[in-house]
Amino acid sequence: MSLSHRRLYFAIFLMLFVALSFFIVAYAMGWRYNFKNSSLVRVGAIYLDSTPADAHIYLDGVLAKKTTPDTINNLQPNIYSLEITKEGYLSWKTNAVVAYSALTRLQNIFLVKVSDPPNLAVSGNFIDMSSSPNKEMLGLFGKNELTILRIKDGSVINTKIFPADISSIDWSFDSMAVLVTLTDNEFIYYTPINSEIVNLNEGISQPVEKANWSRKNNHTVIAYTVSSVYSLNVSEAPVPILPPVGLLYTDNQLFFTSDGEKINVTKNGKLINSLSSHSASPLQIFNVTDNLIGLTDSASKTGYIYNIKTNQFIVFAHPIKNIIPDQTANALLVTNDNEIWRMDTEQGSVELLNRTAMPLMSADWALSGHYLSTIHSLNELKVNEIDRIAQNTYSFDIPHCTKILNFDAYTKSALLCETGMYFMRY
């Protein structure tokens, strides 16, 4: 072979090496050729991780021949439809955006089990239900009848008939007793385990208008009359409390008062906090947890959360219908007729999770706060991912149900329906 031929071959080899090196480096940097647009583009990838694992992945309707957790590589920038499926579980769907040279992570995907049909635990025409703070017992009432059952096995602890219709029940903070409010403004202290009943109106000369539990003692109730406030211990005579002017609420430690312009909080006779944005309209006050108190002003459509531990008000510029704490009470679901908000009680931040034109009947946390269960007036139960509310919905047709409570410890939901209370596994 002549020298000129060797030089030619070397030059060709060198050019091929340079070209190949360029393509290798470009490939390693994520560049791919788009035959559709006849151009080079940088690709991205999607990482998926689910609980439980080993779920099948569908990309744009095509099985990716991968199971979670795994990464789908070499995806050109675009919006992709994804579906995760596993036998015995409801399919999970979402849309994911893949950007240039970026990894899109879809983690904390919790697959919901395909449930057996809801089973009737207790039949009856119940008006409402409420779980004990320790999530071990459930109270259901309709007319003048209160039924207490164990959540673990659904067994009925007892059923009590009261002399008048029940308007509400409120569990004590230690889950050992229930404050039963009757429609004739009688207030009953009731312990489900031994069926003890104490009429809290006895020994008070004036009619009791409202009552709430004391945080100072789990066996003490605060009762309000037109002109007086009493501390009622089931084993002692009523003790009058000198109420400050404009008293809204007290738990025998903190006193909430209003002068029509602001809310004042006092403790041991000293002013410890004041909120000046309050209107002159009456407030509805309700306990949330042992450290949180909710207040709502129907006239100004403003709500407040008071944190006892930090002595801070969180102003919520929307009406409040219900407040549901998560397992840690660090986050709250705040609901009204058409909206669901998530509130961080430590940071004070508020985030809108869902707004719907259909009236909201019930909402609760599910699966350790990763999911949200809701019932709307269409009698449809939806289970949504908290962080992807608009993108993923599991729906079940449940006839004539108005309330849901979830119990993660037993992976079951309680559904209050027209014919009774049903348990549903998840």
Protein backbone atom coordinates (compact mmCIF):
# COMPACT_ATOMS: atom_id res chain seq x y z
CA MET A 1 0.00 0.00 0.00
CA SER A 2 1.40 3.30 -1.05
CA LEU A 3 2.01 6.19 1.29
CA SER A 4 -0.74 8.26 -0.32
CA HIS A 5 -3.28 5.48 0.27
CA ARG A 6 -2.24 5.14 3.87
CA ARG A 7 -2.65 8.89 4.35
CA LEU A 8 -6.10 8.77 2.75
CA TYR A 9 -7.24 5.89 4.96
CA PHE A 10 -5.87 7.61 8.03
CA ALA A 11 -7.72 10.82 7.15
CA ILE A 12 -10.97 8.89 6.62
CA PHE A 13 -10.49 7.00 9.89
CA LEU A 14 -9.75 10.26 11.73
CA MET A 15 -12.90 11.90 10.34
CA LEU A 16 -14.99 8.86 11.27
CA PHE A 17 -13.48 8.85 14.75
CA VAL A 18 -14.21 12.56 15.24
CA ALA A 19 -17.77 12.16 13.92
CA LEU A 20 -18.40 9.06 16.03
CA SER A 21 -16.94 10.74 19.11
CA PHE A 22 -19.25 13.69 18.53
CA PHE A 23 -22.29 11.42 18.36
CA ILE A 24 -21.18 9.46 21.42
CA VAL A 25 -20.70 12.64 23.45
CA ALA A 26 -24.00 14.09 22.14
CA TYR A 27 -25.81 10.85 23.01
CA ALA A 28 -24.30 10.85 26.50
CA MET A 29 -25.48 14.46 26.94
CA GLY A 30 -29.03 13.45 26.05
CA TRP A 31 -29.22 14.51 22.42
CA ARG A 32 -31.41 12.43 20.10
CA TYR A 33 -32.53 12.79 16.50
CA ASN A 34 -36.20 13.65 16.09
CA PHE A 35 -37.22 12.01 12.80
CA LYS A 36 -40.60 13.73 12.93
CA ASN A 37 -39.09 17.21 12.95
CA SER A 38 -35.76 16.23 11.34
CA SER A 39 -33.79 17.86 14.13
CA LEU A 40 -31.61 17.09 17.11
CA VAL A 41 -33.29 17.46 20.52
CA ARG A 42 -32.17 16.85 24.08
CA VAL A 43 -34.29 14.16 25.78
CA GLY A 44 -35.48 13.68 29.35
CA ALA A 45 -36.72 10.85 31.54
CA ILE A 46 -39.47 9.91 34.00
CA TYR A 47 -38.86 8.11 37.29
CA LEU A 48 -41.84 6.33 38.90
CA ASP A 49 -42.08 4.79 42.35
CA SER A 50 -45.26 3.31 43.83
CA THR A 51 -46.56 1.68 46.98
CA PRO A 52 -46.90 -1.24 46.57
CA ALA A 53 -44.03 -1.75 44.12
CA ASP A 54 -43.90 -3.98 41.00
CA ALA A 55 -46.76 -2.14 39.31
CA HIS A 56 -46.91 -2.08 35.50
CA ILE A 57 -46.21 1.19 33.68
CA TYR A 58 -48.11 2.36 30.61
CA LEU A 59 -46.74 5.29 28.60
CA ASP A 60 -49.26 6.88 26.21
CA GLY A 61 -51.31 3.70 26.44
CA VAL A 62 -48.42 1.36 25.61
CA LEU A 63 -46.98 -1.06 28.16
CA ALA A 64 -43.44 0.10 28.91
CA LYS A 65 -42.27 -3.40 29.90
CA LYS A 66 -41.10 -1.94 33.19
CA THR A 67 -42.39 -2.16 36.74
CA THR A 68 -42.07 0.34 39.56
CA PRO A 69 -39.70 1.59 40.74
CA ASP A 70 -37.99 2.31 37.43
CA THR A 71 -36.98 5.04 35.00
CA ILE A 72 -38.20 5.52 31.43
CA ASN A 73 -35.34 7.09 29.50
CA ASN A 74 -34.87 8.73 26.09
CA LEU A 75 -38.15 10.67 26.14
CA GLN A 76 -38.34 13.65 23.86
CA PRO A 77 -39.71 16.85 25.44
CA ASN A 78 -43.47 16.50 25.52
CA ILE A 79 -46.51 15.82 27.71
CA TYR A 80 -47.01 12.09 28.31
CA SER A 81 -49.97 10.19 29.72
CA LEU A 82 -48.98 7.63 32.34
CA GLU A 83 -50.91 4.80 33.94
CA ILE A 84 -49.81 2.53 36.79
CA THR A 85 -51.64 -0.77 37.15
CA LYS A 86 -51.42 -3.68 39.56
CA GLU A 87 -53.77 -6.57 40.06
CA GLY A 88 -56.09 -5.98 43.00
CA TYR A 89 -55.60 -2.20 42.91
CA LEU A 90 -57.29 0.70 41.16
CA SER A 91 -55.30 2.10 38.24
CA TRP A 92 -53.45 5.38 38.78
CA LYS A 93 -53.34 7.95 35.98
CA THR A 94 -51.67 11.28 35.43
CA ASN A 95 -50.03 13.49 32.81
CA ALA A 96 -46.33 14.25 33.11
CA VAL A 97 -44.26 16.93 31.42
CA VAL A 98 -40.78 15.94 30.22
CA ALA A 99 -38.35 18.80 29.71
CA TYR A 100 -34.93 19.02 28.04
CA SER A 101 -32.25 17.06 29.92
CA ALA A 102 -34.50 16.77 32.98
CA LEU A 103 -35.68 13.90 35.14
CA THR A 104 -39.38 14.08 36.07
CA ARG A 105 -39.92 12.31 39.39
CA LEU A 106 -43.30 10.78 40.22
CA GLN A 107 -42.88 9.41 43.73
CA ASN A 108 -45.19 8.61 46.65
CA ILE A 109 -47.69 7.00 44.30
CA PHE A 110 -50.06 5.13 46.65
CA LEU A 111 -52.24 2.61 44.88
CA VAL A 112 -55.72 2.17 46.33
CA LYS A 113 -56.96 -1.38 46.82
CA VAL A 114 -60.02 -2.53 44.95
CA SER A 115 -62.49 -2.67 47.80
CA ASP A 116 -65.07 -5.28 48.50
CA PRO A 117 -68.59 -3.81 48.42
CA PRO A 118 -69.26 -1.73 51.57
CA ASN A 119 -70.75 -3.92 54.27
CA LEU A 120 -73.54 -2.72 56.55
CA ALA A 121 -72.19 -2.51 60.11
CA VAL A 122 -75.18 -0.92 61.87
CA SER A 123 -78.60 -0.33 60.33
CA GLY A 124 -80.67 2.70 61.22
CA ASN A 125 -81.60 6.21 60.20
CA PHE A 126 -78.59 8.02 61.67
CA ILE A 127 -78.15 11.79 61.48
CA ASP A 128 -74.43 12.08 62.16
CA MET A 129 -71.36 10.20 63.38
CA SER A 130 -68.19 11.17 65.21
CA SER A 131 -65.04 9.21 66.04
CA SER A 132 -63.20 9.37 69.34
CA PRO A 133 -59.87 11.28 69.26
CA ASN A 134 -57.93 8.01 69.62
CA LYS A 135 -59.75 6.61 66.55
CA GLU A 136 -60.89 3.51 68.47
CA MET A 137 -64.62 4.19 68.88
CA LEU A 138 -67.37 5.60 66.73
CA GLY A 139 -70.53 7.33 67.91
CA LEU A 140 -73.64 7.36 65.71
CA PHE A 141 -76.87 9.13 66.61
CA GLY A 142 -80.31 9.44 65.13
CA LYS A 143 -83.33 11.00 66.85
CA ASN A 144 -82.85 10.19 70.56
CA GLU A 145 -80.64 7.09 70.12
CA LEU A 146 -76.84 6.98 70.45
CA THR A 147 -74.87 3.91 69.37
CA ILE A 148 -71.19 3.44 70.26
CA LEU A 149 -69.15 0.79 68.45
CA ARG A 150 -65.55 -0.34 68.15
CA ILE A 151 -63.88 0.60 64.88
CA LYS A 152 -61.51 -2.37 64.93
CA ASP A 153 -64.15 -5.10 64.63
CA GLY A 154 -67.39 -3.14 64.24
CA SER A 155 -68.86 -4.57 67.44
CA VAL A 156 -71.46 -2.46 69.24
CA ILE A 157 -70.37 -1.41 72.74
CA ASN A 158 -73.81 -0.13 73.73
CA THR A 159 -76.87 1.78 72.56
CA LYS A 160 -78.48 4.48 74.71
CA ILE A 161 -81.93 6.06 74.47
CA PHE A 162 -82.17 9.68 75.70
CA PRO A 163 -85.31 11.57 76.82
CA ALA A 164 -85.11 14.03 73.90
CA ASP A 165 -83.66 14.12 70.40
CA ILE A 166 -79.86 14.48 70.09
CA SER A 167 -78.52 17.56 68.30
CA SER A 168 -74.76 16.84 68.63
CA ILE A 169 -72.11 14.76 70.40
CA ASP A 170 -68.60 15.81 71.40
CA TRP A 171 -65.91 13.37 72.61
CA SER A 172 -63.65 14.25 75.53
CA PHE A 173 -59.98 14.71 74.72
CA ASP A 174 -59.08 11.39 76.40
CA SER A 175 -61.81 9.52 74.40
CA MET A 176 -63.41 8.23 77.60
CA ALA A 177 -66.65 10.27 77.62
CA VAL A 178 -69.15 11.95 75.32
CA LEU A 179 -70.87 15.30 75.83
CA VAL A 180 -74.38 14.77 74.43
CA THR A 181 -76.42 17.86 73.56
CA LEU A 182 -80.17 17.35 73.38
CA THR A 183 -82.60 19.50 71.42
CA ASP A 184 -84.26 20.75 74.64
CA ASN A 185 -80.88 22.25 75.69
CA GLU A 186 -80.08 19.48 78.12
CA PHE A 187 -76.41 18.49 78.31
CA ILE A 188 -75.54 14.92 79.24
CA TYR A 189 -72.17 13.55 80.37
CA TYR A 190 -72.04 9.99 79.07
CA THR A 191 -69.33 7.33 79.45
CA PRO A 192 -69.84 4.56 76.84
CA ILE A 193 -67.77 1.90 78.63
CA ASN A 194 -69.92 1.77 81.79
CA SER A 195 -73.02 3.61 80.50
CA GLU A 196 -72.76 6.30 83.21
CA ILE A 197 -75.08 9.27 82.61
CA VAL A 198 -74.96 12.62 84.41
CA ASN A 199 -77.37 15.46 83.58
CA LEU A 200 -75.18 18.56 83.68
CA ASN A 201 -78.17 20.93 83.94
CA GLU A 202 -78.98 19.74 87.45
CA GLY A 203 -77.82 22.12 90.15
CA ILE A 204 -77.87 25.15 87.82
CA SER A 205 -80.83 27.50 88.28
CA GLN A 206 -80.73 29.02 84.78
CA PRO A 207 -81.08 27.11 81.49
CA VAL A 208 -77.73 26.04 79.98
CA GLU A 209 -77.29 27.54 76.50
CA LYS A 210 -74.07 25.82 75.44
CA ALA A 211 -71.28 23.66 76.84
CA ASN A 212 -67.78 22.47 75.97
CA TRP A 213 -65.05 20.29 77.43
CA SER A 214 -62.38 21.75 79.69
CA ARG A 215 -58.76 21.19 78.74
CA LYS A 216 -57.81 21.42 82.40
CA ASN A 217 -59.65 18.23 83.36
CA ASN A 218 -61.01 15.52 81.06
CA HIS A 219 -63.98 15.01 83.38
CA THR A 220 -64.98 18.67 83.53
CA VAL A 221 -67.44 20.50 81.27
CA ILE A 222 -67.84 24.27 80.96
CA ALA A 223 -71.53 25.28 80.90
CA TYR A 224 -72.81 28.70 79.83
CA THR A 225 -76.06 30.35 80.91
CA VAL A 226 -77.36 33.81 80.03
CA SER A 227 -75.47 35.48 82.88
CA SER A 228 -73.08 32.89 84.33
CA VAL A 229 -70.48 30.28 83.48
CA TYR A 230 -70.00 27.08 85.49
CA SER A 231 -67.30 24.45 85.78
CA LEU A 232 -69.08 21.10 86.04
CA ASN A 233 -67.26 18.05 87.32
CA VAL A 234 -69.34 14.88 87.24
CA SER A 235 -68.53 14.06 90.85
CA GLU A 236 -68.88 17.58 92.32
CA ALA A 237 -71.38 20.42 92.58
CA PRO A 238 -71.27 23.13 89.85
CA VAL A 239 -68.58 25.76 90.46
CA PRO A 240 -69.39 29.28 89.19
CA ILE A 241 -66.72 30.97 87.10
CA LEU A 242 -66.64 34.77 87.07
CA PRO A 243 -66.97 35.40 83.32
CA PRO A 244 -65.24 38.37 81.71
CA VAL A 245 -67.45 40.79 79.80
CA GLY A 246 -68.21 39.57 76.26
CA LEU A 247 -67.14 35.98 76.94
CA LEU A 248 -67.16 33.81 73.82
CA TYR A 249 -65.44 30.67 75.05
CA THR A 250 -63.39 29.31 77.90
CA ASP A 251 -61.80 25.98 78.75
CA ASN A 252 -61.18 27.09 82.36
CA GLN A 253 -57.65 28.14 81.42
CA LEU A 254 -58.04 30.47 78.45
CA PHE A 255 -60.81 33.04 78.09
CA PHE A 256 -61.87 34.33 74.66
CA THR A 257 -63.81 37.61 74.78
CA SER A 258 -65.07 40.06 72.16
CA ASP A 259 -65.94 43.75 72.31
CA GLY A 260 -67.34 43.70 68.76
CA GLU A 261 -64.09 44.92 67.23
CA LYS A 262 -61.45 42.46 68.39
CA ILE A 263 -61.00 39.08 70.00
CA ASN A 264 -59.01 39.05 73.24
CA VAL A 265 -57.38 36.01 74.79
CA THR A 266 -56.63 36.11 78.50
CA LYS A 267 -54.96 33.63 80.82
CA ASN A 268 -54.77 33.96 84.61
CA GLY A 269 -56.33 37.42 84.27
CA LYS A 270 -53.65 38.65 81.84
CA LEU A 271 -54.17 39.58 78.19
CA ILE A 272 -51.91 37.30 76.11
CA ASN A 273 -53.21 37.92 72.58
CA SER A 274 -55.60 40.12 70.64
CA LEU A 275 -57.03 39.94 67.13
CA SER A 276 -58.33 43.28 65.87
CA SER A 277 -59.86 42.19 62.55
CA HIS A 278 -62.98 40.66 64.10
CA SER A 279 -66.40 42.06 63.10
CA ALA A 280 -69.29 42.64 65.49
CA SER A 281 -71.13 39.47 64.42
CA PRO A 282 -71.25 36.42 66.73
CA LEU A 283 -68.59 33.74 66.39
CA GLN A 284 -68.99 30.00 66.23
CA ILE A 285 -66.23 28.33 68.24
CA PHE A 286 -65.33 24.67 68.24
CA ASN A 287 -62.50 22.49 69.51
CA VAL A 288 -60.17 21.00 66.90
CA THR A 289 -57.52 19.26 69.00
CA ASP A 290 -56.17 19.71 72.51
CA ASN A 291 -53.93 22.49 71.14
CA LEU A 292 -56.11 24.07 68.43
CA ILE A 293 -59.34 26.05 68.59
CA GLY A 294 -61.36 27.04 65.53
CA LEU A 295 -63.45 30.20 65.22
CA THR A 296 -65.64 31.25 62.33
CA ASP A 297 -67.44 34.52 61.65
CA SER A 298 -70.42 33.86 59.37
CA ALA A 299 -71.08 37.55 58.64
CA SER A 300 -67.59 38.45 57.40
CA LYS A 301 -67.02 34.90 56.06
CA THR A 302 -63.71 34.77 57.93
CA GLY A 303 -62.27 31.96 60.00
CA TYR A 304 -59.49 31.78 62.56
CA ILE A 305 -57.38 28.99 64.02
CA TYR A 306 -55.86 29.67 67.42
CA ASN A 307 -52.79 27.64 68.36
CA ILE A 308 -52.67 27.30 72.14
CA LYS A 309 -49.08 26.06 72.14
CA THR A 310 -47.68 29.00 70.14
CA ASN A 311 -50.30 31.58 71.23
CA GLN A 312 -50.90 32.57 67.60
CA PHE A 313 -53.94 33.23 65.43
CA ILE A 314 -53.98 31.99 61.84
CA VAL A 315 -56.41 34.14 59.86
CA PHE A 316 -58.35 32.22 57.24
CA ALA A 317 -60.11 34.60 54.84
CA HIS A 318 -62.91 32.16 54.05
CA PRO A 319 -65.91 30.73 55.92
CA ILE A 320 -65.25 27.54 57.89
CA LYS A 321 -67.67 24.65 58.06
CA ASN A 322 -65.39 21.95 59.40
CA ILE A 323 -61.76 21.44 60.46
CA ILE A 324 -60.12 18.01 60.28
CA PRO A 325 -56.60 17.55 61.73
CA ASP A 326 -54.22 14.97 60.31
CA GLN A 327 -52.58 12.34 62.53
CA THR A 328 -49.93 14.78 63.78
CA ALA A 329 -52.22 17.86 63.92
CA ASN A 330 -49.48 19.72 62.01
CA ALA A 331 -51.86 20.03 59.06
CA LEU A 332 -55.58 20.71 58.87
CA LEU A 333 -58.23 20.21 56.23
CA VAL A 334 -60.43 23.29 56.39
CA THR A 335 -63.69 22.94 54.49
CA ASN A 336 -66.78 24.93 53.64
CA ASP A 337 -69.65 24.21 51.24
CA ASN A 338 -67.51 24.30 48.09
CA GLU A 339 -63.83 24.45 49.04
CA ILE A 340 -61.17 22.32 50.69
CA TRP A 341 -58.01 23.98 52.01
CA ARG A 342 -54.88 22.57 53.61
CA MET A 343 -53.45 24.60 56.47
CA ASP A 344 -49.97 24.17 57.97
CA THR A 345 -50.44 24.91 61.67
CA GLU A 346 -46.73 25.44 62.27
CA GLN A 347 -46.00 27.72 59.30
CA GLY A 348 -49.46 29.29 59.13
CA SER A 349 -49.62 28.74 55.36
CA VAL A 350 -52.89 27.95 53.56
CA GLU A 351 -53.25 26.10 50.24
CA LEU A 352 -56.42 25.56 48.20
CA LEU A 353 -56.75 21.85 47.38
CA ASN A 354 -60.10 21.76 45.63
CA ARG A 355 -62.95 24.03 44.64
CA THR A 356 -66.12 22.58 43.18
CA ALA A 357 -69.49 23.83 42.01
CA MET A 358 -71.15 20.82 43.64
CA PRO A 359 -71.82 21.16 47.38
CA LEU A 360 -69.28 19.35 49.55
CA MET A 361 -70.86 17.06 52.12
CA SER A 362 -67.85 15.46 53.79
CA ALA A 363 -64.06 15.24 53.61
CA ASP A 364 -61.31 13.41 55.49
CA TRP A 365 -57.61 12.54 55.31
CA ALA A 366 -56.66 9.09 54.02
CA LEU A 367 -53.51 6.98 53.73
CA SER A 368 -51.39 8.97 56.19
CA GLY A 369 -52.33 12.31 54.68
CA HIS A 370 -51.35 11.44 51.10
CA TYR A 371 -54.95 11.18 49.94
CA LEU A 372 -58.21 13.05 50.43
CA SER A 373 -61.65 11.40 50.54
CA THR A 374 -64.67 13.53 49.67
CA ILE A 375 -68.41 13.02 49.28
CA HIS A 376 -70.42 15.50 47.21
CA SER A 377 -74.16 15.90 46.88
CA LEU A 378 -74.05 13.58 43.87
CA ASN A 379 -73.45 10.73 46.36
CA GLU A 380 -70.11 10.03 44.73
CA LEU A 381 -67.11 9.16 46.85
CA LYS A 382 -63.82 10.43 45.43
CA VAL A 383 -60.34 9.55 46.64
CA ASN A 384 -57.78 12.08 45.39
CA GLU A 385 -54.06 12.42 45.79
CA ILE A 386 -53.38 15.51 47.91
CA ASP A 387 -50.51 16.75 45.72
CA ARG A 388 -52.20 15.93 42.40
CA ILE A 389 -55.83 16.78 43.12
CA ALA A 390 -56.65 17.93 39.60
CA GLN A 391 -54.93 15.05 37.85
CA ASN A 392 -56.07 11.86 39.51
CA THR A 393 -59.42 10.68 40.82
CA TYR A 394 -60.73 7.32 41.95
CA SER A 395 -64.52 7.25 41.96
CA PHE A 396 -67.03 4.91 43.57
CA ASP A 397 -70.80 5.08 43.28
CA ILE A 398 -72.16 4.99 46.83
CA PRO A 399 -75.90 5.64 47.09
CA HIS A 400 -77.26 8.19 49.57
CA CYS A 401 -74.13 8.62 51.71
CA THR A 402 -73.39 11.93 53.41
CA LYS A 403 -70.24 11.46 55.52
CA ILE A 404 -66.95 9.58 55.48
CA LEU A 405 -64.37 8.96 58.21
CA ASN A 406 -61.11 7.11 57.45
CA PHE A 407 -59.16 4.93 59.87
CA ASP A 408 -55.68 4.17 58.53
CA ALA A 409 -54.80 1.90 61.47
CA TYR A 410 -57.50 -0.51 60.32
CA THR A 411 -57.45 0.42 56.58
CA LYS A 412 -61.17 1.02 56.59
CA SER A 413 -63.61 3.85 56.03
CA ALA A 414 -66.91 4.46 57.80
CA LEU A 415 -69.69 5.67 55.49
CA LEU A 416 -72.82 7.25 56.94
CA CYS A 417 -75.63 6.42 54.53
CA GLU A 418 -79.39 6.51 54.37
CA THR A 419 -79.86 2.95 55.58
CA GLY A 420 -77.10 2.88 58.20
CA MET A 421 -73.35 2.95 58.69
CA TYR A 422 -71.16 0.94 56.33
CA PHE A 423 -67.51 -0.10 56.61
CA MET A 424 -65.41 -0.16 53.44
CA ARG A 425 -61.86 -1.52 53.23
CA TYR A 426 -59.06 0.30 51.42
